C-alpha atoms as a PDB file:
ATOM      1  CA  MET A   1     -17.975 113.845  22.120  1.00  0.00           C
ATOM      2  CA  TRP A   2     -18.111 112.449  25.640  1.00  0.00           C
ATOM      3  CA  ALA A   3     -21.028 109.435  24.122  1.00  0.00           C
ATOM      4  CA  TYR A   4     -18.026 108.154  22.101  1.00  0.00           C
ATOM      5  CA  GLY A   5     -16.456 108.289  26.088  1.00  0.00           C
ATOM      6  CA  VAL A   6     -19.905 106.513  27.786  1.00  0.00           C
ATOM      7  CA  PHE A   7     -19.621 104.034  25.523  1.00  0.00           C
ATOM      8  CA  ALA A   8     -15.878 102.928  26.054  1.00  0.00           C
ATOM      9  CA  ILE A   9     -16.491 102.752  29.209  1.00  0.00           C
ATOM     10  CA  GLY A  10     -19.665 100.545  29.041  1.00  0.00           C
ATOM     11  CA  ALA A  11     -17.904  98.841  26.576  1.00  0.00           C
ATOM     12  CA  ALA A  12     -15.462  97.332  29.074  1.00  0.00           C
ATOM     13  CA  ILE A  13     -17.342  97.448  31.969  1.00  0.00           C
ATOM     14  CA  LEU A  14     -19.608  94.384  29.697  1.00  0.00           C
ATOM     15  CA  ALA A  15     -16.040  92.935  28.244  1.00  0.00           C
ATOM     16  CA  ILE A  16     -14.441  92.871  32.096  1.00  0.00           C
ATOM     17  CA  GLY A  17     -18.141  91.297  33.259  1.00  0.00           C
ATOM     18  CA  PHE A  18     -18.043  88.805  30.191  1.00  0.00           C
ATOM     19  CA  ILE A  19     -14.385  87.636  31.075  1.00  0.00           C
ATOM     20  CA  LEU A  20     -15.595  87.514  35.170  1.00  0.00           C
ATOM     21  CA  PHE A  21     -18.682  85.453  34.421  1.00  0.00           C
ATOM     22  CA  PHE A  22     -17.743  83.592  31.208  1.00  0.00           C
ATOM     23  CA  PRO A  23     -15.624  80.795  33.077  1.00  0.00           C
ATOM     24  CA  ARG A  24     -17.725  80.585  36.030  1.00  0.00           C
ATOM     25  CA  PHE A  25     -20.842  79.960  33.454  1.00  0.00           C
ATOM     26  CA  ARG A  26     -18.875  77.336  31.715  1.00  0.00           C
ATOM     27  CA  ARG A  27     -18.763  75.593  34.182  1.00  0.00           C
ATOM     28  CA  ARG A  28     -22.320  74.939  35.507  1.00  0.00           C
ATOM     29  CA  ARG A  29     -23.275  74.607  32.240  1.00  0.00           C
ATOM     30  CA  ALA A  30     -20.340  72.070  32.624  1.00  0.00           C
ATOM     31  CA  GLN A  31     -21.727  70.461  35.672  1.00  0.00           C
ATOM     32  CA  VAL A  32     -25.585  70.411  34.535  1.00  0.00           C
ATOM     33  CA  ALA A  33     -24.598  68.637  31.382  1.00  0.00           C
ATOM     34  CA  LEU A  34     -22.571  65.530  32.812  1.00  0.00           C
ATOM     35  CA  GLN A  35     -25.748  65.203  35.929  1.00  0.00           C
ATOM     36  CA  GLU A  36     -27.695  65.432  32.170  1.00  0.00           C
ATOM     37  CA  ALA A  37     -25.742  62.618  31.241  1.00  0.00           C
ATOM     38  CA  ARG A  38     -25.468  60.789  34.245  1.00  0.00           C
ATOM     39  CA  ALA A  39     -29.181  60.726  34.232  1.00  0.00           C
ATOM     40  CA  ARG A  40     -29.445  59.224  30.982  1.00  0.00           C
ATOM     41  CA  PHE A  41     -26.634  56.265  32.027  1.00  0.00           C
ATOM     42  CA  HIS A  42     -28.279  55.347  34.230  1.00  0.00           C
ATOM     43  CA  ARG A  43     -32.029  54.964  32.420  1.00  0.00           C
ATOM     44  CA  ARG A  44     -30.830  53.698  29.944  1.00  0.00           C
ATOM     45  CA  ARG A  45     -28.069  50.752  32.079  1.00  0.00           C
ATOM     46  CA  GLU A  46     -30.006  47.542  31.609  1.00  0.00           C
ATOM     47  CA  TRP A  47     -29.730  48.189  28.086  1.00  0.00           C
ATOM     48  CA  LEU A  48     -26.934  48.888  28.030  1.00  0.00           C
ATOM     49  CA  GLU A  49     -26.030  46.147  29.741  1.00  0.00           C
ATOM     50  CA  ALA A  50     -27.444  43.943  27.408  1.00  0.00           C
ATOM     51  CA  ARG A  51     -26.610  45.393  24.201  1.00  0.00           C
ATOM     52  CA  PHE A  52     -22.762  45.107  25.613  1.00  0.00           C
ATOM     53  CA  MET A  53     -23.012  41.027  26.109  1.00  0.00           C
ATOM     54  CA  THR A  54     -24.103  40.610  22.654  1.00  0.00           C
ATOM     55  CA  LEU A  55     -21.675  42.203  20.739  1.00  0.00           C
ATOM     56  CA  ALA A  56     -18.884  41.196  23.130  1.00  0.00           C
ATOM     57  CA  ALA A  57     -20.636  37.547  22.405  1.00  0.00           C
ATOM     58  CA  ARG A  58     -20.357  38.129  18.849  1.00  0.00           C
ATOM     59  CA  SER A  59     -16.508  40.105  19.065  1.00  0.00           C
ATOM     60  CA  GLY A  60     -15.068  35.990  18.705  1.00  0.00           C
ATOM     61  CA  LYS A  61     -12.598  36.549  21.476  1.00  0.00           C
ATOM     62  CA  PRO A  62     -10.890  35.696  23.492  1.00  0.00           C
ATOM     63  CA  ARG A  63     -10.873  33.143  20.761  1.00  0.00           C
ATOM     64  CA  GLY A  64     -12.353  29.389  21.813  1.00  0.00           C
ATOM     65  CA  LEU A  65     -14.061  30.824  24.709  1.00  0.00           C
ATOM     66  CA  ARG A  66     -18.140  31.697  24.444  1.00  0.00           C
ATOM     67  CA  TRP A  67     -19.210  34.839  26.999  1.00  0.00           C
ATOM     68  CA  ALA A  68     -21.157  32.178  29.066  1.00  0.00           C
ATOM     69  CA  ASP A  69     -22.799  35.536  31.858  1.00  0.00           C
ATOM     70  CA  CYS A  70     -21.560  38.771  32.842  1.00  0.00           C
ATOM     71  CA  GLU A  71     -22.418  40.573  36.481  1.00  0.00           C
ATOM     72  CA  PHE A  72     -22.191  44.500  36.690  1.00  0.00           C
ATOM     73  CA  GLU A  73     -21.192  45.823  39.390  1.00  0.00           C
ATOM     74  CA  ASN A  74     -23.580  48.944  41.118  1.00  0.00           C
ATOM     75  CA  ALA A  75     -20.997  51.752  40.847  1.00  0.00           C
ATOM     76  CA  VAL A  76     -19.896  53.124  37.932  1.00  0.00           C
ATOM     77  CA  ALA A  77     -17.692  55.449  36.952  1.00  0.00           C
ATOM     78  CA  PHE A  78     -16.808  58.786  35.000  1.00  0.00           C
ATOM     79  CA  ALA A  79     -14.104  60.014  32.408  1.00  0.00           C
ATOM     80  CA  ARG A  80     -13.596  61.599  29.766  1.00  0.00           C
ATOM     81  CA  ASP A  81     -12.146  61.157  26.402  1.00  0.00           C
ATOM     82  CA  ARG A  82      -8.848  63.568  26.238  1.00  0.00           C
ATOM     83  CA  GLY A  83      -9.225  63.823  22.373  1.00  0.00           C
ATOM     84  CA  THR A  84     -12.433  64.503  21.488  1.00  0.00           C
ATOM     85  CA  GLY A  85     -13.566  65.942  25.203  1.00  0.00           C
ATOM     86  CA  ARG A  86     -16.783  62.398  24.849  1.00  0.00           C
ATOM     87  CA  LEU A  87     -17.957  61.283  28.643  1.00  0.00           C
ATOM     88  CA  ARG A  88     -16.689  57.338  29.225  1.00  0.00           C
ATOM     89  CA  ALA A  89     -19.064  55.079  31.233  1.00  0.00           C
ATOM     90  CA  LEU A  90     -17.215  52.515  32.940  1.00  0.00           C
ATOM     91  CA  VAL A  91     -18.904  49.605  34.620  1.00  0.00           C
ATOM     92  CA  ALA A  92     -16.414  46.984  36.892  1.00  0.00           C
ATOM     93  CA  VAL A  93     -17.938  43.093  35.339  1.00  0.00           C
ATOM     94  CA  THR A  94     -17.314  39.385  35.854  1.00  0.00           C
ATOM     95  CA  ILE A  95     -17.456  37.683  32.724  1.00  0.00           C
ATOM     96  CA  LYS A  96     -17.823  33.599  32.907  1.00  0.00           C
ATOM     97  CA  PHE A  97     -16.779  32.540  30.083  1.00  0.00           C
ATOM     98  CA  GLU A  98     -17.199  28.672  28.029  1.00  0.00           C
ATOM     99  CA  ALA A  99     -15.144  26.183  25.699  1.00  0.00           C
ATOM    100  CA  ILE A 100     -15.899  26.321  22.029  1.00  0.00           C
ATOM    101  CA  GLU A 101     -16.212  22.668  21.168  1.00  0.00           C
ATOM    102  CA  GLY A 102     -13.560  22.206  18.905  1.00  0.00           C
ATOM    103  CA  GLU A 103     -11.523  25.376  19.707  1.00  0.00           C
ATOM    104  CA  GLY A 104      -8.957  23.973  21.973  1.00  0.00           C
ATOM    105  CA  MET A 105      -9.685  24.927  25.408  1.00  0.00           C
ATOM    106  CA  GLU A 106     -11.596  22.003  26.272  1.00  0.00           C
ATOM    107  CA  ASP A 107      -9.080  20.641  28.908  1.00  0.00           C
ATOM    108  CA  VAL A 108      -8.040  24.180  30.165  1.00  0.00           C
ATOM    109  CA  ALA A 109      -8.499  24.600  33.680  1.00  0.00           C
ATOM    110  CA  ALA A 110      -8.637  27.957  33.723  1.00  0.00           C
ATOM    111  CA  VAL A 111     -11.621  29.120  31.477  1.00  0.00           C
ATOM    112  CA  ALA A 112     -13.946  28.201  34.282  1.00  0.00           C
ATOM    113  CA  ASN A 113     -12.651  30.846  36.302  1.00  0.00           C
ATOM    114  CA  HIS A 114     -14.006  33.818  36.769  1.00  0.00           C
ATOM    115  CA  LYS A 115     -12.948  36.861  34.875  1.00  0.00           C
ATOM    116  CA  ALA A 116     -12.865  40.529  36.065  1.00  0.00           C
ATOM    117  CA  ALA A 117     -12.601  43.537  33.759  1.00  0.00           C
ATOM    118  CA  THR A 118     -14.721  46.808  33.297  1.00  0.00           C
ATOM    119  CA  ALA A 119     -16.554  47.281  30.449  1.00  0.00           C
ATOM    120  CA  VAL A 120     -16.950  50.429  28.992  1.00  0.00           C
ATOM    121  CA  PHE A 121     -19.930  52.938  27.559  1.00  0.00           C
ATOM    122  CA  ARG A 122     -19.116  55.576  25.776  1.00  0.00           C
ATOM    123  CA  LEU A 123     -21.712  59.298  24.825  1.00  0.00           C
ATOM    124  CA  ASP A 124     -22.209  59.402  21.584  1.00  0.00           C
ATOM    125  CA  GLY A 125     -24.359  62.302  20.687  1.00  0.00           C
ATOM    126  CA  PRO A 126     -27.539  62.798  23.189  1.00  0.00           C
ATOM    127  CA  ASP A 127     -27.792  58.690  23.557  1.00  0.00           C
ATOM    128  CA  TRP A 128     -25.164  56.476  24.951  1.00  0.00           C
ATOM    129  CA  GLU A 129     -24.175  53.337  23.347  1.00  0.00           C
ATOM    130  CA  THR A 130     -21.567  50.574  23.367  1.00  0.00           C
ATOM    131  CA  ASP A 131     -19.049  48.121  20.673  1.00  0.00           C
ATOM    132  CA  GLY A 132     -18.836  45.818  23.630  1.00  0.00           C
ATOM    133  CA  ARG A 133     -15.370  46.196  24.693  1.00  0.00           C
ATOM    134  CA  ALA A 134     -13.732  44.950  28.171  1.00  0.00           C
ATOM    135  CA  TYR A 135     -10.479  45.995  29.621  1.00  0.00           C
ATOM    136  CA  PHE A 136      -9.671  42.799  31.691  1.00  0.00           C
ATOM    137  CA  ASN A 137      -7.927  42.230  34.791  1.00  0.00           C
ATOM    138  CA  LEU A 138      -7.878  46.676  35.251  1.00  0.00           C
ATOM    139  CA  SER A 139     -11.030  47.676  37.634  1.00  0.00           C
ATOM    140  CA  PRO A 140     -12.312  50.673  35.924  1.00  0.00           C
ATOM    141  CA  SER A 141     -10.135  53.619  37.733  1.00  0.00           C
ATOM    142  CA  GLN A 142      -7.437  51.037  37.486  1.00  0.00           C
ATOM    143  CA  THR A 143      -8.998  51.362  33.789  1.00  0.00           C
ATOM    144  CA  ILE A 144      -8.557  55.196  33.550  1.00  0.00           C
ATOM    145  CA  ASP A 145      -4.611  55.819  35.259  1.00  0.00           C
ATOM    146  CA  TYR A 146      -3.497  53.199  33.027  1.00  0.00           C
ATOM    147  CA  TYR A 147      -5.301  54.777  30.457  1.00  0.00           C
ATOM    148  CA  GLN A 148      -4.149  58.579  31.663  1.00  0.00           C
ATOM    149  CA  SER A 149      -3.078  60.172  27.937  1.00  0.00           C
ATOM    150  CA  GLN A 150      -6.751  59.253  26.551  1.00  0.00           C
ATOM    151  CA  LEU A 151      -9.089  59.580  29.552  1.00  0.00           C
ATOM    152  CA  GLU A 152      -9.246  61.503  32.495  1.00  0.00           C
ATOM    153  CA  PHE A 153     -11.834  61.201  35.899  1.00  0.00           C
ATOM    154  CA  VAL A 154     -14.917  63.230  35.842  1.00  0.00           C
ATOM    155  CA  GLU A 155     -16.557  63.707  39.047  1.00  0.00           C
END
């Protein structure tokens, strides 16, 4: 009979230990995963930038303009998608467009102006990817603030 009491006390001690240490373990695991994701982003960054430019240029947006050049800033802001929990990397870019002949933009003086935007990259499983999506006239931190119902800062 006393064995049941010892078993119950042991089970209670294990449950309390689990309750106290599991959240700490989860936070530590999340921190390690974030560090690994950041390292993978930086290792693949050059490829990701080229992929971004290729896909953005194919998008046909903005209409009547061709993507001529895209300069990426060094800083990266990381955010988490509130819906899926997946990481996003946001990088400030400066984009230069050229008018496409016959599309009606040749005489618009603003075409020559460089445009500020934020390039978006997403962690898809273990790999970083991009859809060529850019948020114009927003810095990475402004993008996260503007889309705060969908994104949250990760640091």
